[in-house]
Amino acid sequence: MPKIRKKLIEVEERLSSATDSREIAELSKRYSRLKEAVNLKEDIDFLMEDLELWKEIAKEEPAAVEEIEKTELKIEEKISEIISLLTPSEHPVGVIMEIRAAAGGEEAALFAADLFRMYSRYADRKGWKVEIVDSHRTDLGGYKEIIFFVKGKDAHKFLKYERGVHRVQRIPQTESGGRIHTSTATVAVLPEVEDVEVIIDPKDLRIETFKASGHGGQYVNKTESAVRITHIPTGIVVSIQTERSQHQNKEMAMRILRAKLYELEHIKKKSEIDDLRKSQIGSGDRSEKIRTYNFPQNRVTDHRINYTSHRLEEILEGSLDEIILKLQEAEFREKISRGDFFEDRA
């Protein structure tokens, strides 16, 4: 935390000499967050002292174990508050999520449905709204693909960690021999952005209409209400057929296209890689995974931070905060080590 205290002093000095009203407002917000973070760190220091004391008492009094657990929980809560303070949401509108079955055939599609259920339950816990944009079901109730909006405060801040390849290891419903199979599904997370953030030249778009099809491929509309938009310069294609009217489908497709173009430009600016989908989901190969859900061992392992939880059922029911908090902590510690936490944001 010394870097945060140092930043607090720097912001205080800038605030004392600032004259522009907008700069004063921005610096005041930043100062307030830094000050609160420092206060929270002091609270954590006191709690850590209490924790050491209770551990000593527990050597003689086993009942003190309960106090140890309570104190550890308070420390976790304080850490979470600090992280939230120092990582303000960059995209307050919400996110667009795409889940696709990858390696594993029908079992991968069933796993994609499990992931959608997990995110839906997680959204319920957070008070967010989920809106399905488009989906393609399989005969056993899985998803070859499902696209949906998640709207709510800080949705992007929490869900951005979910992008990548998710791997499941279990005995599939389709397996009669009781053998454990490994399948994957890919998850993409795109921040939804406002019109003003992405300028799209209509000349760069190829817009096509077609009849919407339902389960099994049969046409469900006599009119051509479905819309396919191709962004010619990048080759990005968005097809939507969920809504009844062509106008609604076009509007939905433009929202998704706007998000994809924003993310693509964001990645290019960071000099990472040029292809949006590869940056988020790779090829879908079993070896390219961010997280494994192992049913026989009742565990979920996030490979980015080598963290394992043995609460697989609870996590699939939407109890994702345990893992996401660990990912936030890892990102926070990395930012602190670089000293670049909200450097240019109020």
Protein backbone atom coordinates (compact mmCIF):
# COMPACT_ATOMS: atom_id res chain seq x y z
CA MET A 1 0.00 0.00 0.00
CA PRO A 2 2.92 2.51 0.15
CA LYS A 3 2.32 3.29 -3.55
CA ILE A 4 -1.31 4.14 -2.81
CA ARG A 5 -0.28 6.45 0.04
CA LYS A 6 2.25 8.07 -2.27
CA LYS A 7 -0.43 8.53 -4.93
CA LEU A 8 -2.74 10.04 -2.30
CA ILE A 9 -0.12 12.68 -1.47
CA GLU A 10 0.43 13.43 -5.18
CA VAL A 11 -3.31 13.88 -5.82
CA GLU A 12 -3.64 16.05 -2.71
CA GLU A 13 -0.85 18.32 -3.97
CA ARG A 14 -2.42 18.58 -7.43
CA LEU A 15 -5.79 19.32 -5.87
CA SER A 16 -4.39 22.17 -3.78
CA SER A 17 -3.02 23.93 -6.88
CA ALA A 18 -5.83 23.10 -9.36
CA THR A 19 -7.98 25.98 -10.63
CA ASP A 20 -10.08 24.37 -13.38
CA SER A 21 -13.48 23.27 -12.01
CA ARG A 22 -13.57 20.05 -14.04
CA GLU A 23 -10.05 19.08 -12.92
CA ILE A 24 -10.95 19.85 -9.30
CA ALA A 25 -14.02 17.62 -9.52
CA GLU A 26 -12.03 14.73 -11.03
CA LEU A 27 -9.18 15.05 -8.55
CA SER A 28 -11.63 15.26 -5.64
CA LYS A 29 -13.24 11.98 -6.68
CA ARG A 30 -9.85 10.34 -7.05
CA TYR A 31 -8.66 11.69 -3.70
CA SER A 32 -11.81 10.43 -1.99
CA ARG A 33 -11.32 6.90 -3.33
CA LEU A 34 -7.63 6.83 -2.45
CA LYS A 35 -8.30 8.14 1.04
CA GLU A 36 -10.96 5.50 1.63
CA ALA A 37 -8.60 2.81 0.31
CA VAL A 38 -5.90 3.89 2.75
CA ASN A 39 -8.42 3.83 5.61
CA LEU A 40 -9.52 0.34 4.60
CA LYS A 41 -5.89 -0.81 4.56
CA GLU A 42 -5.48 0.50 8.09
CA ASP A 43 -8.58 -1.47 9.10
CA ILE A 44 -7.02 -4.57 7.55
CA ASP A 45 -3.79 -4.00 9.50
CA PHE A 46 -5.75 -3.90 12.77
CA LEU A 47 -7.70 -7.01 11.77
CA MET A 48 -4.44 -8.82 10.93
CA GLU A 49 -3.20 -8.04 14.45
CA ASP A 50 -6.45 -9.40 15.87
CA LEU A 51 -6.07 -12.50 13.70
CA GLU A 52 -2.59 -13.24 15.05
CA LEU A 53 -3.88 -12.76 18.58
CA TRP A 54 -6.79 -15.18 18.07
CA LYS A 55 -4.41 -17.74 16.57
CA GLU A 56 -2.31 -17.60 19.73
CA ILE A 57 -5.40 -17.95 21.92
CA ALA A 58 -6.60 -20.89 19.80
CA LYS A 59 -3.55 -22.89 20.89
CA GLU A 60 -5.07 -23.02 24.37
CA GLU A 61 -8.76 -22.36 23.64
CA PRO A 62 -10.22 -24.30 20.66
CA ALA A 63 -13.34 -22.11 20.78
CA ALA A 64 -11.22 -19.25 19.41
CA VAL A 65 -11.26 -20.92 15.99
CA GLU A 66 -14.68 -19.36 15.38
CA GLU A 67 -13.22 -15.90 15.99
CA ILE A 68 -10.38 -16.68 13.57
CA GLU A 69 -12.91 -17.52 10.84
CA LYS A 70 -14.92 -14.35 11.54
CA THR A 71 -11.79 -12.18 11.40
CA GLU A 72 -10.59 -13.79 8.17
CA LEU A 73 -13.99 -13.13 6.61
CA LYS A 74 -13.81 -9.45 7.63
CA ILE A 75 -10.36 -9.17 6.06
CA GLU A 76 -11.64 -10.66 2.80
CA GLU A 77 -14.53 -8.18 2.77
CA LYS A 78 -12.16 -5.24 3.32
CA ILE A 79 -9.87 -6.43 0.52
CA SER A 80 -12.88 -6.69 -1.79
CA GLU A 81 -13.88 -3.12 -0.93
CA ILE A 82 -10.38 -1.82 -1.74
CA ILE A 83 -10.35 -3.61 -5.08
CA SER A 84 -13.75 -2.20 -5.97
CA LEU A 85 -12.61 1.32 -5.08
CA LEU A 86 -9.43 1.19 -7.14
CA THR A 87 -10.95 -0.50 -10.19
CA PRO A 88 -13.93 1.66 -11.22
CA SER A 89 -16.09 0.24 -14.00
CA GLU A 90 -14.95 1.36 -17.45
CA HIS A 91 -18.16 0.25 -19.17
CA PRO A 92 -21.23 1.02 -17.05
CA VAL A 93 -23.81 0.08 -19.70
CA GLY A 94 -23.36 -3.70 -19.59
CA VAL A 95 -21.87 -6.54 -21.60
CA ILE A 96 -22.68 -8.82 -24.51
CA MET A 97 -21.75 -12.45 -23.90
CA GLU A 98 -21.38 -15.21 -26.49
CA ILE A 99 -21.14 -18.86 -25.49
CA ARG A 100 -20.34 -21.44 -28.16
CA ALA A 101 -19.94 -25.22 -28.01
CA ALA A 102 -16.40 -26.13 -29.08
CA ALA A 103 -14.66 -29.52 -28.78
CA GLY A 104 -16.88 -32.39 -27.67
CA GLY A 105 -19.98 -32.45 -29.87
CA GLU A 106 -23.32 -32.75 -28.05
CA GLU A 107 -21.65 -32.79 -24.64
CA ALA A 108 -19.99 -29.45 -25.43
CA ALA A 109 -23.42 -28.02 -26.32
CA LEU A 110 -24.84 -29.25 -23.00
CA PHE A 111 -21.90 -27.67 -21.20
CA ALA A 112 -22.58 -24.38 -23.03
CA ALA A 113 -26.13 -24.54 -21.61
CA ASP A 114 -24.68 -25.12 -18.12
CA LEU A 115 -22.48 -22.05 -18.48
CA PHE A 116 -25.43 -19.92 -19.61
CA ARG A 117 -27.41 -21.10 -16.58
CA MET A 118 -24.43 -20.27 -14.33
CA TYR A 119 -24.16 -16.72 -15.68
CA SER A 120 -27.93 -16.24 -15.51
CA ARG A 121 -27.99 -17.28 -11.85
CA TYR A 122 -24.98 -15.08 -11.13
CA ALA A 123 -26.74 -12.14 -12.77
CA ASP A 124 -29.79 -12.78 -10.57
CA ARG A 125 -27.61 -12.64 -7.47
CA LYS A 126 -26.13 -9.32 -8.64
CA GLY A 127 -29.48 -7.82 -9.59
CA TRP A 128 -28.55 -7.67 -13.29
CA LYS A 129 -30.90 -8.25 -16.21
CA VAL A 130 -30.24 -10.97 -18.81
CA GLU A 131 -31.67 -10.63 -22.32
CA ILE A 132 -31.16 -13.40 -24.89
CA VAL A 133 -30.30 -12.03 -28.32
CA ASP A 134 -29.92 -15.20 -30.36
CA SER A 135 -29.49 -18.92 -29.75
CA HIS A 136 -29.26 -22.26 -31.52
CA ARG A 137 -30.49 -25.24 -29.47
CA THR A 138 -29.65 -28.90 -29.91
CA ASP A 139 -31.98 -31.91 -29.66
CA LEU A 140 -30.85 -32.66 -26.07
CA GLY A 141 -31.34 -29.08 -24.88
CA GLY A 142 -27.81 -27.80 -25.26
CA TYR A 143 -26.63 -24.72 -27.12
CA LYS A 144 -24.48 -24.69 -30.21
CA GLU A 145 -24.39 -20.95 -29.63
CA ILE A 146 -26.15 -18.41 -27.41
CA ILE A 147 -25.71 -14.63 -27.41
CA PHE A 148 -27.14 -12.48 -24.63
CA PHE A 149 -26.94 -9.06 -22.98
CA VAL A 150 -26.18 -8.64 -19.29
CA LYS A 151 -27.21 -5.22 -18.05
CA GLY A 152 -26.45 -3.84 -14.62
CA LYS A 153 -23.99 -1.94 -12.44
CA ASP A 154 -20.42 -3.21 -12.75
CA ALA A 155 -21.40 -6.14 -15.00
CA HIS A 156 -18.28 -5.67 -17.12
CA LYS A 157 -16.02 -5.31 -14.09
CA PHE A 158 -16.98 -8.79 -12.87
CA LEU A 159 -17.74 -10.71 -16.06
CA LYS A 160 -14.68 -9.65 -18.08
CA TYR A 161 -12.71 -12.47 -16.43
CA GLU A 162 -14.97 -15.09 -18.02
CA ARG A 163 -13.65 -14.70 -21.56
CA GLY A 164 -11.79 -17.71 -22.86
CA VAL A 165 -12.07 -21.49 -23.14
CA HIS A 166 -13.93 -23.33 -20.37
CA ARG A 167 -13.29 -27.07 -20.03
CA VAL A 168 -15.54 -29.71 -18.45
CA GLN A 169 -14.57 -33.22 -17.37
CA ARG A 170 -17.48 -35.54 -16.59
CA ILE A 171 -19.47 -38.59 -17.72
CA PRO A 172 -21.76 -37.25 -20.47
CA GLN A 173 -25.47 -37.99 -20.68
CA THR A 174 -24.71 -39.50 -24.08
CA GLU A 175 -22.10 -41.94 -22.67
CA SER A 176 -23.39 -45.36 -21.66
CA GLY A 177 -20.02 -46.81 -20.71
CA GLY A 178 -19.41 -44.49 -17.77
CA ARG A 179 -16.24 -43.00 -19.20
CA ILE A 180 -15.17 -39.47 -18.33
CA HIS A 181 -15.06 -37.14 -21.34
CA THR A 182 -13.41 -33.76 -21.76
CA SER A 183 -15.32 -31.07 -23.67
CA THR A 184 -15.01 -27.33 -24.09
CA ALA A 185 -17.09 -24.24 -24.69
CA THR A 186 -15.86 -20.76 -25.52
CA VAL A 187 -17.01 -17.56 -23.85
CA ALA A 188 -16.59 -14.07 -25.29
CA VAL A 189 -17.36 -10.95 -23.24
CA LEU A 190 -17.78 -7.64 -25.05
CA PRO A 191 -18.54 -4.32 -23.34
CA GLU A 192 -21.69 -2.72 -24.72
CA VAL A 193 -20.85 0.80 -25.86
CA GLU A 194 -22.82 3.89 -26.74
CA ASP A 195 -23.27 5.17 -30.31
CA VAL A 196 -20.87 8.05 -29.74
CA GLU A 197 -18.01 5.70 -28.81
CA VAL A 198 -17.91 3.92 -32.18
CA ILE A 199 -18.51 5.63 -35.51
CA ILE A 200 -19.64 3.22 -38.25
CA ASP A 201 -19.75 4.38 -41.87
CA PRO A 202 -22.92 2.99 -43.51
CA LYS A 203 -20.87 2.46 -46.68
CA ASP A 204 -18.85 -0.17 -44.79
CA LEU A 205 -21.92 -2.30 -44.11
CA ARG A 206 -23.56 -5.05 -46.15
CA ILE A 207 -27.06 -5.66 -44.77
CA GLU A 208 -29.00 -8.77 -45.82
CA THR A 209 -32.40 -10.05 -44.75
CA PHE A 210 -33.74 -13.60 -44.67
CA LYS A 211 -36.52 -15.67 -43.15
CA ALA A 212 -36.04 -16.58 -39.50
CA SER A 213 -35.71 -20.31 -38.84
CA GLY A 214 -36.63 -22.23 -35.72
CA HIS A 215 -35.55 -25.52 -34.13
CA GLY A 216 -34.70 -28.06 -36.83
CA GLY A 217 -34.28 -25.38 -39.47
CA GLN A 218 -37.94 -24.87 -40.31
CA TYR A 219 -38.95 -21.30 -41.17
CA VAL A 220 -40.96 -19.61 -38.44
CA ASN A 221 -41.64 -16.36 -40.32
CA LYS A 222 -43.16 -15.83 -43.75
CA THR A 223 -41.47 -12.44 -44.01
CA GLU A 224 -37.74 -11.79 -44.10
CA SER A 225 -37.42 -10.45 -40.55
CA ALA A 226 -33.96 -11.89 -39.79
CA VAL A 227 -30.97 -9.62 -40.41
CA ARG A 228 -27.33 -10.31 -41.24
CA ILE A 229 -24.88 -7.40 -41.10
CA THR A 230 -21.33 -7.69 -42.45
CA HIS A 231 -18.74 -5.06 -41.61
CA ILE A 232 -16.74 -5.17 -44.84
CA PRO A 233 -13.40 -3.70 -43.62
CA THR A 234 -13.05 -6.21 -40.75
CA GLY A 235 -15.16 -9.10 -42.02
CA ILE A 236 -17.16 -9.22 -38.78
CA VAL A 237 -20.61 -10.77 -39.35
CA VAL A 238 -23.60 -10.48 -37.00
CA SER A 239 -26.86 -12.36 -37.63
CA ILE A 240 -29.98 -11.81 -35.52
CA GLN A 241 -33.40 -13.41 -35.88
CA THR A 242 -34.79 -13.34 -32.34
CA GLU A 243 -37.17 -10.39 -32.69
CA ARG A 244 -40.33 -10.41 -34.79
CA SER A 245 -39.56 -7.31 -36.81
CA GLN A 246 -36.71 -6.62 -39.18
CA HIS A 247 -36.18 -3.22 -37.59
CA GLN A 248 -35.70 -4.72 -34.11
CA ASN A 249 -33.29 -7.36 -35.37
CA LYS A 250 -31.28 -4.74 -37.24
CA GLU A 251 -31.04 -2.56 -34.14
CA MET A 252 -29.92 -5.55 -32.05
CA ALA A 253 -27.32 -6.55 -34.65
CA MET A 254 -25.90 -3.02 -34.74
CA ARG A 255 -25.51 -3.01 -30.96
CA ILE A 256 -23.48 -6.21 -31.12
CA LEU A 257 -21.43 -5.03 -34.10
CA ARG A 258 -20.65 -1.78 -32.31
CA ALA A 259 -19.37 -3.72 -29.29
CA LYS A 260 -17.21 -6.00 -31.45
CA LEU A 261 -15.65 -3.06 -33.30
CA TYR A 262 -14.96 -1.24 -30.04
CA GLU A 263 -13.22 -4.27 -28.57
CA LEU A 264 -11.24 -4.85 -31.74
CA GLU A 265 -9.95 -1.27 -31.72
CA HIS A 266 -9.21 -1.51 -28.00
CA ILE A 267 -7.07 -4.59 -28.55
CA LYS A 268 -5.17 -3.01 -31.43
CA LYS A 269 -4.39 0.05 -29.32
CA LYS A 270 -2.90 -2.18 -26.64
CA SER A 271 -0.72 -3.88 -29.28
CA GLU A 272 -1.92 -7.30 -28.23
CA ILE A 273 -3.29 -9.24 -31.22
CA ASP A 274 -5.25 -8.26 -34.29
CA ASP A 275 -8.00 -10.84 -34.16
CA LEU A 276 -10.75 -10.24 -31.59
CA ARG A 277 -12.09 -13.75 -31.39
CA LYS A 278 -8.69 -15.38 -31.01
CA SER A 279 -7.85 -12.96 -28.21
CA GLN A 280 -10.93 -13.99 -26.30
CA ILE A 281 -11.61 -17.62 -27.05
CA GLY A 282 -8.71 -19.11 -28.99
CA SER A 283 -9.50 -22.08 -31.20
CA GLY A 284 -11.62 -23.93 -28.65
CA ASP A 285 -9.05 -26.70 -28.38
CA ARG A 286 -9.08 -28.62 -25.08
CA SER A 287 -5.54 -27.50 -24.25
CA GLU A 288 -6.43 -23.78 -24.43
CA LYS A 289 -8.37 -23.35 -21.24
CA ILE A 290 -8.81 -20.72 -18.57
CA ARG A 291 -10.89 -22.89 -16.24
CA THR A 292 -11.70 -26.56 -15.69
CA TYR A 293 -14.91 -27.94 -14.17
CA ASN A 294 -14.13 -31.47 -12.97
CA PHE A 295 -17.26 -33.33 -11.83
CA PRO A 296 -15.66 -36.55 -10.45
CA GLN A 297 -13.46 -34.47 -8.13
CA ASN A 298 -16.13 -31.81 -7.45
CA ARG A 299 -13.64 -29.07 -8.26
CA VAL A 300 -13.30 -25.93 -10.33
CA THR A 301 -9.77 -24.78 -11.18
CA ASP A 302 -8.93 -21.41 -12.69
CA HIS A 303 -5.64 -21.97 -14.47
CA ARG A 304 -4.72 -18.29 -14.76
CA ILE A 305 -4.14 -17.97 -11.03
CA ASN A 306 -3.84 -21.68 -10.11
CA TYR A 307 -6.85 -21.41 -7.81
CA THR A 308 -9.02 -24.45 -7.03
CA SER A 309 -12.41 -24.58 -5.33
CA HIS A 310 -14.24 -27.76 -4.32
CA ARG A 311 -17.65 -26.09 -4.59
CA LEU A 312 -18.44 -27.07 -8.17
CA GLU A 313 -22.21 -27.38 -7.71
CA GLU A 314 -22.52 -24.02 -5.95
CA ILE A 315 -20.41 -22.30 -8.59
CA LEU A 316 -22.51 -23.73 -11.44
CA GLU A 317 -25.57 -22.43 -9.57
CA GLY A 318 -24.17 -18.91 -9.84
CA SER A 319 -21.89 -18.63 -6.82
CA LEU A 320 -19.07 -17.15 -8.92
CA ASP A 321 -17.88 -14.43 -6.56
CA GLU A 322 -15.40 -16.76 -4.86
CA ILE A 323 -13.38 -17.19 -8.07
CA ILE A 324 -13.93 -13.70 -9.47
CA LEU A 325 -12.71 -12.11 -6.23
CA LYS A 326 -9.48 -14.12 -6.49
CA LEU A 327 -9.04 -12.98 -10.10
CA GLN A 328 -9.69 -9.37 -9.06
CA GLU A 329 -7.12 -9.69 -6.29
CA ALA A 330 -4.53 -11.02 -8.74
CA GLU A 331 -5.21 -8.18 -11.19
CA PHE A 332 -5.18 -5.64 -8.37
CA ARG A 333 -1.82 -6.84 -7.03
CA GLU A 334 -0.34 -6.69 -10.54
CA LYS A 335 -1.59 -3.12 -10.99
CA ILE A 336 -0.23 -2.12 -7.60
CA SER A 337 3.18 -3.59 -8.49
CA ARG A 338 3.18 -1.51 -11.71
CA GLY A 339 1.73 1.53 -9.96
CA ASP A 340 -0.88 2.08 -12.70
CA PHE A 341 -4.17 1.77 -10.77
CA PHE A 342 -6.66 4.34 -12.19
CA GLU A 343 -3.82 6.58 -13.25
CA ASP A 344 -5.91 8.55 -15.72
CA ARG A 345 -9.41 8.00 -14.45
CA ALA A 346 -11.43 9.83 -11.83
